[in-house]
Amino acid sequence: MRMIIVRHGEPDYGKDCLTETGWIQAKQAAQRLKEEGIEEIWSSTMGRAHETAEATAELLGLPIRDLAWARELYWGSRDREELYQDGHPWDTADTMARNGLDLTAPDWRHGPYFINNRVTESVDIVEQEADQWMASFGYERKGRYYFHTESEKTHRTIALFCHGGSSSALIAHFMNLPFPYVCAMLHVDFTGISILRFEKRKGACTLPCLELVNDCRHLKESQI
């Protein structure tokens, strides 16, 4: 299976919808995606992601299937104790790197920058729900990897329209990388496209192949 993960276009965060530029970006992304052989379109239930998905769905004549757990991550203090940048995971990860902390530490949830940050719970939800979703495609999580319960002659291709946070959490989970590390190395642009390819044969899987990360060549420079 090939999974195409697309971040939403430029948003009006207050209204949770796309701006005029965001709609242009969504249509440009749809043109970029039309030759990918997409068979299913999935989307976060938040407006800015759903509207981005609509452009591709209309072009390909496919329905949009909703995934509530693919909404943007939430972050902030659990007990109102002040957090750096209110717990914003990307700023936090960048600060950890500048301070010489290990972004690859597997126990990142218990480190000083994340132990009191609600984002850990949000990431946990994405991981748990993603595994149930993957099982619907025949990929059962066993430890750190998946077992494919069926065989595909050719790779099924699905598209998921979501957010910078939820896509980072997904990629971190699929690739067995710590979430702060992915936040630091992957700053996804609006309608940035990333592609993961999972084993199509039946049996134990290795890590998915990362075909593409944050491709935004479909955008004009002024829109990035």
C-alpha atoms as a PDB file:
ATOM      1  CA  MET A   1       0.000   0.000   0.000  1.00  0.00           C
ATOM      2  CA  ARG A   2       1.121   3.538  -0.729  1.00  0.00           C
ATOM      3  CA  MET A   3      -0.014   6.242   1.675  1.00  0.00           C
ATOM      4  CA  ILE A   4       0.051   9.842   0.452  1.00  0.00           C
ATOM      5  CA  ILE A   5      -0.068  12.289   3.360  1.00  0.00           C
ATOM      6  CA  VAL A   6      -0.995  15.876   2.489  1.00  0.00           C
ATOM      7  CA  ARG A   7      -0.992  18.852   4.836  1.00  0.00           C
ATOM      8  CA  HIS A   8      -3.846  21.323   4.441  1.00  0.00           C
ATOM      9  CA  GLY A   9      -3.495  24.565   2.484  1.00  0.00           C
ATOM     10  CA  GLU A  10      -2.983  28.000   3.973  1.00  0.00           C
ATOM     11  CA  PRO A  11      -5.708  28.375   6.625  1.00  0.00           C
ATOM     12  CA  ASP A  12      -7.703  30.908   8.492  1.00  0.00           C
ATOM     13  CA  TYR A  13      -7.119  29.193  11.829  1.00  0.00           C
ATOM     14  CA  GLY A  14      -9.796  31.210  13.610  1.00  0.00           C
ATOM     15  CA  LYS A  15     -12.507  30.091  11.184  1.00  0.00           C
ATOM     16  CA  ASP A  16     -10.894  26.686  10.502  1.00  0.00           C
ATOM     17  CA  CYS A  17     -11.131  27.056   6.752  1.00  0.00           C
ATOM     18  CA  LEU A  18      -8.868  27.795   3.814  1.00  0.00           C
ATOM     19  CA  THR A  19      -7.903  31.280   2.753  1.00  0.00           C
ATOM     20  CA  GLU A  20      -8.134  32.299  -0.896  1.00  0.00           C
ATOM     21  CA  THR A  21      -4.472  31.321  -1.260  1.00  0.00           C
ATOM     22  CA  GLY A  22      -5.212  28.057   0.516  1.00  0.00           C
ATOM     23  CA  TRP A  23      -7.854  27.158  -2.074  1.00  0.00           C
ATOM     24  CA  ILE A  24      -5.386  27.876  -4.874  1.00  0.00           C
ATOM     25  CA  GLN A  25      -2.835  25.644  -3.160  1.00  0.00           C
ATOM     26  CA  ALA A  26      -5.423  22.871  -2.737  1.00  0.00           C
ATOM     27  CA  LYS A  27      -6.256  22.962  -6.453  1.00  0.00           C
ATOM     28  CA  GLN A  28      -2.583  22.921  -7.385  1.00  0.00           C
ATOM     29  CA  ALA A  29      -2.047  19.951  -5.086  1.00  0.00           C
ATOM     30  CA  ALA A  30      -4.992  18.164  -6.741  1.00  0.00           C
ATOM     31  CA  GLN A  31      -3.386  18.598 -10.148  1.00  0.00           C
ATOM     32  CA  ARG A  32      -0.121  17.252  -8.734  1.00  0.00           C
ATOM     33  CA  LEU A  33      -1.913  14.211  -7.256  1.00  0.00           C
ATOM     34  CA  LYS A  34      -4.150  13.287 -10.186  1.00  0.00           C
ATOM     35  CA  GLU A  35      -1.636  10.853 -11.720  1.00  0.00           C
ATOM     36  CA  GLU A  36      -0.807   9.065  -8.448  1.00  0.00           C
ATOM     37  CA  GLY A  37      -3.516   6.440  -8.879  1.00  0.00           C
ATOM     38  CA  ILE A  38      -5.341   7.388  -5.684  1.00  0.00           C
ATOM     39  CA  GLU A  39      -8.155   4.958  -4.890  1.00  0.00           C
ATOM     40  CA  GLU A  40      -9.383   6.326  -1.568  1.00  0.00           C
ATOM     41  CA  ILE A  41      -9.374   9.780   0.004  1.00  0.00           C
ATOM     42  CA  TRP A  42      -9.357  10.191   3.772  1.00  0.00           C
ATOM     43  CA  SER A  43      -9.392  13.441   5.705  1.00  0.00           C
ATOM     44  CA  SER A  44      -9.211  14.958   9.133  1.00  0.00           C
ATOM     45  CA  THR A  45     -12.606  16.285  10.142  1.00  0.00           C
ATOM     46  CA  MET A  46     -11.231  19.797  10.646  1.00  0.00           C
ATOM     47  CA  GLY A  47     -12.400  22.285   8.024  1.00  0.00           C
ATOM     48  CA  ARG A  48      -9.009  23.325   6.657  1.00  0.00           C
ATOM     49  CA  ALA A  49      -7.990  19.720   5.938  1.00  0.00           C
ATOM     50  CA  HIS A  50     -11.406  18.693   4.616  1.00  0.00           C
ATOM     51  CA  GLU A  51     -11.541  21.640   2.233  1.00  0.00           C
ATOM     52  CA  THR A  52      -8.065  20.781   0.944  1.00  0.00           C
ATOM     53  CA  ALA A  53      -9.232  17.210   0.324  1.00  0.00           C
ATOM     54  CA  GLU A  54     -12.312  18.469  -1.547  1.00  0.00           C
ATOM     55  CA  ALA A  55     -10.207  19.783  -4.431  1.00  0.00           C
ATOM     56  CA  THR A  56      -8.659  16.368  -5.063  1.00  0.00           C
ATOM     57  CA  ALA A  57     -11.913  14.508  -4.417  1.00  0.00           C
ATOM     58  CA  GLU A  58     -13.747  16.647  -6.970  1.00  0.00           C
ATOM     59  CA  LEU A  59     -11.020  16.207  -9.574  1.00  0.00           C
ATOM     60  CA  LEU A  60     -10.860  12.423  -9.140  1.00  0.00           C
ATOM     61  CA  GLY A  61     -14.575  11.855  -8.522  1.00  0.00           C
ATOM     62  CA  LEU A  62     -13.959  10.128  -5.200  1.00  0.00           C
ATOM     63  CA  PRO A  63     -15.773  10.465  -1.853  1.00  0.00           C
ATOM     64  CA  ILE A  64     -14.010  11.761   1.251  1.00  0.00           C
ATOM     65  CA  ARG A  65     -13.853   9.431   4.229  1.00  0.00           C
ATOM     66  CA  ASP A  66     -13.518  11.133   7.608  1.00  0.00           C
ATOM     67  CA  LEU A  67     -10.945  10.340  10.290  1.00  0.00           C
ATOM     68  CA  ALA A  68     -11.631  12.263  13.485  1.00  0.00           C
ATOM     69  CA  TRP A  69      -8.348  11.208  15.102  1.00  0.00           C
ATOM     70  CA  ALA A  70      -6.328  12.770  12.251  1.00  0.00           C
ATOM     71  CA  ARG A  71      -7.254  16.262  13.492  1.00  0.00           C
ATOM     72  CA  GLU A  72      -4.477  18.609  14.586  1.00  0.00           C
ATOM     73  CA  LEU A  73      -2.669  17.730  17.794  1.00  0.00           C
ATOM     74  CA  TYR A  74      -3.435  19.703  20.925  1.00  0.00           C
ATOM     75  CA  TRP A  75      -0.675  20.858  23.257  1.00  0.00           C
ATOM     76  CA  GLY A  76      -0.212  22.933  26.396  1.00  0.00           C
ATOM     77  CA  SER A  77       0.344  22.518  30.108  1.00  0.00           C
ATOM     78  CA  ARG A  78      -1.598  19.858  31.995  1.00  0.00           C
ATOM     79  CA  ASP A  79      -1.640  21.868  35.212  1.00  0.00           C
ATOM     80  CA  ARG A  80      -1.192  25.474  34.030  1.00  0.00           C
ATOM     81  CA  GLU A  81       2.509  25.379  34.853  1.00  0.00           C
ATOM     82  CA  GLU A  82       4.244  27.551  32.273  1.00  0.00           C
ATOM     83  CA  LEU A  83       5.738  25.705  29.300  1.00  0.00           C
ATOM     84  CA  TYR A  84       8.195  27.007  26.741  1.00  0.00           C
ATOM     85  CA  GLN A  85       6.168  28.520  23.868  1.00  0.00           C
ATOM     86  CA  ASP A  86       3.057  27.075  25.525  1.00  0.00           C
ATOM     87  CA  GLY A  87       4.303  23.580  24.654  1.00  0.00           C
ATOM     88  CA  HIS A  88       4.385  24.138  20.876  1.00  0.00           C
ATOM     89  CA  PRO A  89       6.098  20.882  19.804  1.00  0.00           C
ATOM     90  CA  TRP A  90       8.117  22.288  16.887  1.00  0.00           C
ATOM     91  CA  ASP A  91       9.525  25.212  18.850  1.00  0.00           C
ATOM     92  CA  THR A  92      10.153  22.855  21.768  1.00  0.00           C
ATOM     93  CA  ALA A  93      12.046  20.345  19.624  1.00  0.00           C
ATOM     94  CA  ASP A  94      14.169  23.098  18.053  1.00  0.00           C
ATOM     95  CA  THR A  95      15.000  24.458  21.508  1.00  0.00           C
ATOM     96  CA  MET A  96      15.982  20.999  22.738  1.00  0.00           C
ATOM     97  CA  ALA A  97      18.392  20.695  19.816  1.00  0.00           C
ATOM     98  CA  ARG A  98      19.911  24.123  20.506  1.00  0.00           C
ATOM     99  CA  ASN A  99      20.422  23.104  24.129  1.00  0.00           C
ATOM    100  CA  GLY A 100      22.219  19.923  23.085  1.00  0.00           C
ATOM    101  CA  LEU A 101      19.507  17.513  24.242  1.00  0.00           C
ATOM    102  CA  ASP A 102      19.047  14.153  22.555  1.00  0.00           C
ATOM    103  CA  LEU A 103      16.048  14.329  20.210  1.00  0.00           C
ATOM    104  CA  THR A 104      16.326  10.597  19.539  1.00  0.00           C
ATOM    105  CA  ALA A 105      15.754   9.580  23.172  1.00  0.00           C
ATOM    106  CA  PRO A 106      12.974   6.949  23.224  1.00  0.00           C
ATOM    107  CA  ASP A 107      11.699   8.206  26.589  1.00  0.00           C
ATOM    108  CA  TRP A 108      10.987  11.712  25.262  1.00  0.00           C
ATOM    109  CA  ARG A 109       7.550  11.719  26.901  1.00  0.00           C
ATOM    110  CA  HIS A 110       9.221  11.786  30.321  1.00  0.00           C
ATOM    111  CA  GLY A 111      11.833  14.429  29.530  1.00  0.00           C
ATOM    112  CA  PRO A 112      11.614  17.916  31.078  1.00  0.00           C
ATOM    113  CA  TYR A 113      10.178  19.532  27.933  1.00  0.00           C
ATOM    114  CA  PHE A 114       7.305  17.078  27.420  1.00  0.00           C
ATOM    115  CA  ILE A 115       6.450  15.448  30.741  1.00  0.00           C
ATOM    116  CA  ASN A 116       3.845  18.128  31.527  1.00  0.00           C
ATOM    117  CA  ASN A 117       2.755  18.729  27.925  1.00  0.00           C
ATOM    118  CA  ARG A 118      -0.678  17.514  26.820  1.00  0.00           C
ATOM    119  CA  VAL A 119       0.738  16.789  23.363  1.00  0.00           C
ATOM    120  CA  THR A 120       1.963  13.404  24.609  1.00  0.00           C
ATOM    121  CA  GLU A 121      -1.641  12.299  25.075  1.00  0.00           C
ATOM    122  CA  SER A 122      -2.533  13.635  21.646  1.00  0.00           C
ATOM    123  CA  VAL A 123       0.322  11.704  20.039  1.00  0.00           C
ATOM    124  CA  ASP A 124      -0.766   8.546  21.882  1.00  0.00           C
ATOM    125  CA  ILE A 125      -4.272   8.864  20.432  1.00  0.00           C
ATOM    126  CA  VAL A 126      -2.908   9.207  16.896  1.00  0.00           C
ATOM    127  CA  GLU A 127      -0.708   6.133  17.335  1.00  0.00           C
ATOM    128  CA  GLN A 128      -3.484   3.961  18.772  1.00  0.00           C
ATOM    129  CA  GLU A 129      -6.124   5.009  16.265  1.00  0.00           C
ATOM    130  CA  ALA A 130      -3.698   4.778  13.342  1.00  0.00           C
ATOM    131  CA  ASP A 131      -2.969   1.156  14.191  1.00  0.00           C
ATOM    132  CA  GLN A 132      -6.683   0.332  14.140  1.00  0.00           C
ATOM    133  CA  TRP A 133      -6.987   2.143  10.808  1.00  0.00           C
ATOM    134  CA  MET A 134      -4.012   0.256   9.387  1.00  0.00           C
ATOM    135  CA  ALA A 135      -5.592  -3.025  10.471  1.00  0.00           C
ATOM    136  CA  SER A 136      -8.531  -2.239   8.190  1.00  0.00           C
ATOM    137  CA  PHE A 137      -6.053  -2.402   5.283  1.00  0.00           C
ATOM    138  CA  GLY A 138      -4.613  -5.701   6.509  1.00  0.00           C
ATOM    139  CA  TYR A 139      -1.621  -4.328   8.432  1.00  0.00           C
ATOM    140  CA  GLU A 140      -1.542  -5.535  12.042  1.00  0.00           C
ATOM    141  CA  ARG A 141       0.943  -3.893  14.402  1.00  0.00           C
ATOM    142  CA  LYS A 142       3.118  -6.414  16.226  1.00  0.00           C
ATOM    143  CA  GLY A 143       5.614  -4.653  18.444  1.00  0.00           C
ATOM    144  CA  ARG A 144       7.470  -2.061  16.376  1.00  0.00           C
ATOM    145  CA  TYR A 145       6.433  -3.376  12.950  1.00  0.00           C
ATOM    146  CA  TYR A 146       3.397  -4.484  10.973  1.00  0.00           C
ATOM    147  CA  PHE A 147       2.344  -7.903   9.750  1.00  0.00           C
ATOM    148  CA  HIS A 148       0.513  -7.871   6.419  1.00  0.00           C
ATOM    149  CA  THR A 149      -2.367 -10.332   6.559  1.00  0.00           C
ATOM    150  CA  GLU A 150      -3.027 -10.283   2.823  1.00  0.00           C
ATOM    151  CA  SER A 151      -1.169  -9.808  -0.430  1.00  0.00           C
ATOM    152  CA  GLU A 152      -1.525  -7.059  -3.036  1.00  0.00           C
ATOM    153  CA  LYS A 153      -0.605  -7.609  -6.680  1.00  0.00           C
ATOM    154  CA  THR A 154      -0.099  -3.878  -7.039  1.00  0.00           C
ATOM    155  CA  HIS A 155       0.119  -1.242  -4.343  1.00  0.00           C
ATOM    156  CA  ARG A 156      -3.212   0.214  -3.296  1.00  0.00           C
ATOM    157  CA  THR A 157      -2.809   3.997  -3.076  1.00  0.00           C
ATOM    158  CA  ILE A 158      -4.680   6.054  -0.517  1.00  0.00           C
ATOM    159  CA  ALA A 159      -4.465   9.749   0.338  1.00  0.00           C
ATOM    160  CA  LEU A 160      -4.790  11.267   3.792  1.00  0.00           C
ATOM    161  CA  PHE A 161      -5.313  15.012   4.189  1.00  0.00           C
ATOM    162  CA  CYS A 162      -4.417  16.203   7.659  1.00  0.00           C
ATOM    163  CA  HIS A 163      -2.123  18.567   9.581  1.00  0.00           C
ATOM    164  CA  GLY A 164       1.488  19.286  10.418  1.00  0.00           C
ATOM    165  CA  GLY A 165       1.178  17.771  13.877  1.00  0.00           C
ATOM    166  CA  SER A 166      -0.859  14.676  13.107  1.00  0.00           C
ATOM    167  CA  SER A 167       1.235  13.891  10.029  1.00  0.00           C
ATOM    168  CA  SER A 168       4.443  14.228  12.076  1.00  0.00           C
ATOM    169  CA  ALA A 169       3.009  11.906  14.734  1.00  0.00           C
ATOM    170  CA  LEU A 170       1.997   9.404  12.054  1.00  0.00           C
ATOM    171  CA  ILE A 171       5.370   9.390  10.314  1.00  0.00           C
ATOM    172  CA  ALA A 172       7.171   9.117  13.657  1.00  0.00           C
ATOM    173  CA  HIS A 173       5.027   6.109  14.588  1.00  0.00           C
ATOM    174  CA  PHE A 174       5.323   4.344  11.244  1.00  0.00           C
ATOM    175  CA  MET A 175       9.098   4.889  11.060  1.00  0.00           C
ATOM    176  CA  ASN A 176       9.705   4.165  14.778  1.00  0.00           C
ATOM    177  CA  LEU A 177      11.222   7.602  15.348  1.00  0.00           C
ATOM    178  CA  PRO A 178      10.747   9.799  18.436  1.00  0.00           C
ATOM    179  CA  PHE A 179       8.133  12.470  17.874  1.00  0.00           C
ATOM    180  CA  PRO A 180      10.398  15.439  18.842  1.00  0.00           C
ATOM    181  CA  TYR A 181      13.001  14.249  16.337  1.00  0.00           C
ATOM    182  CA  VAL A 182      10.451  14.253  13.518  1.00  0.00           C
ATOM    183  CA  CYS A 183       9.166  17.677  14.599  1.00  0.00           C
ATOM    184  CA  ALA A 184      12.694  19.073  14.385  1.00  0.00           C
ATOM    185  CA  MET A 185      13.538  17.573  11.004  1.00  0.00           C
ATOM    186  CA  LEU A 186      10.173  17.852   9.272  1.00  0.00           C
ATOM    187  CA  HIS A 187       8.537  21.267   8.970  1.00  0.00           C
ATOM    188  CA  VAL A 188       5.789  20.512   6.464  1.00  0.00           C
ATOM    189  CA  ASP A 189       4.701  23.324   4.145  1.00  0.00           C
ATOM    190  CA  PHE A 190       1.066  23.980   3.241  1.00  0.00           C
ATOM    191  CA  THR A 191      -0.103  21.150   0.922  1.00  0.00           C
ATOM    192  CA  GLY A 192       3.299  19.508   1.334  1.00  0.00           C
ATOM    193  CA  ILE A 193       3.092  15.907   0.083  1.00  0.00           C
ATOM    194  CA  SER A 194       4.792  12.928   1.736  1.00  0.00           C
ATOM    195  CA  ILE A 195       4.529   9.327   0.544  1.00  0.00           C
ATOM    196  CA  LEU A 196       5.085   6.099   2.474  1.00  0.00           C
ATOM    197  CA  ARG A 197       5.122   2.687   0.809  1.00  0.00           C
ATOM    198  CA  PHE A 198       4.276  -0.374   2.880  1.00  0.00           C
ATOM    199  CA  GLU A 199       5.114  -3.975   2.026  1.00  0.00           C
ATOM    200  CA  LYS A 200       2.578  -5.399  -0.430  1.00  0.00           C
ATOM    201  CA  ARG A 201       3.483  -9.045   0.158  1.00  0.00           C
ATOM    202  CA  LYS A 202       1.829 -11.094   2.865  1.00  0.00           C
ATOM    203  CA  GLY A 203       3.869 -11.588   6.022  1.00  0.00           C
ATOM    204  CA  ALA A 204       6.127  -9.615   8.317  1.00  0.00           C
ATOM    205  CA  CYS A 205       6.948  -6.087   7.197  1.00  0.00           C
ATOM    206  CA  THR A 206      10.082  -4.033   7.482  1.00  0.00           C
ATOM    207  CA  LEU A 207       9.929  -0.281   7.972  1.00  0.00           C
ATOM    208  CA  PRO A 208       7.860   1.439   5.283  1.00  0.00           C
ATOM    209  CA  CYS A 209       9.826   3.005   2.463  1.00  0.00           C
ATOM    210  CA  LEU A 210       9.788   6.799   2.580  1.00  0.00           C
ATOM    211  CA  GLU A 211       9.305   7.686  -1.088  1.00  0.00           C
ATOM    212  CA  LEU A 212       8.850  11.427  -0.709  1.00  0.00           C
ATOM    213  CA  VAL A 213       8.822  14.053   2.034  1.00  0.00           C
ATOM    214  CA  ASN A 214       7.211  17.503   1.958  1.00  0.00           C
ATOM    215  CA  ASP A 215       7.063  17.816  -1.820  1.00  0.00           C
ATOM    216  CA  CYS A 216       5.625  21.231  -2.653  1.00  0.00           C
ATOM    217  CA  ARG A 217       6.898  21.687  -6.187  1.00  0.00           C
ATOM    218  CA  HIS A 218       3.315  22.234  -7.295  1.00  0.00           C
ATOM    219  CA  LEU A 219       3.305  25.576  -5.469  1.00  0.00           C
ATOM    220  CA  LYS A 220       4.647  28.846  -6.711  1.00  0.00           C
ATOM    221  CA  GLU A 221       7.465  30.204  -4.578  1.00  0.00           C
ATOM    222  CA  SER A 222       5.279  33.045  -3.296  1.00  0.00           C
ATOM    223  CA  GLN A 223       2.789  30.503  -1.896  1.00  0.00           C
ATOM    224  CA  ILE A 224       5.278  28.451   0.166  1.00  0.00           C
END
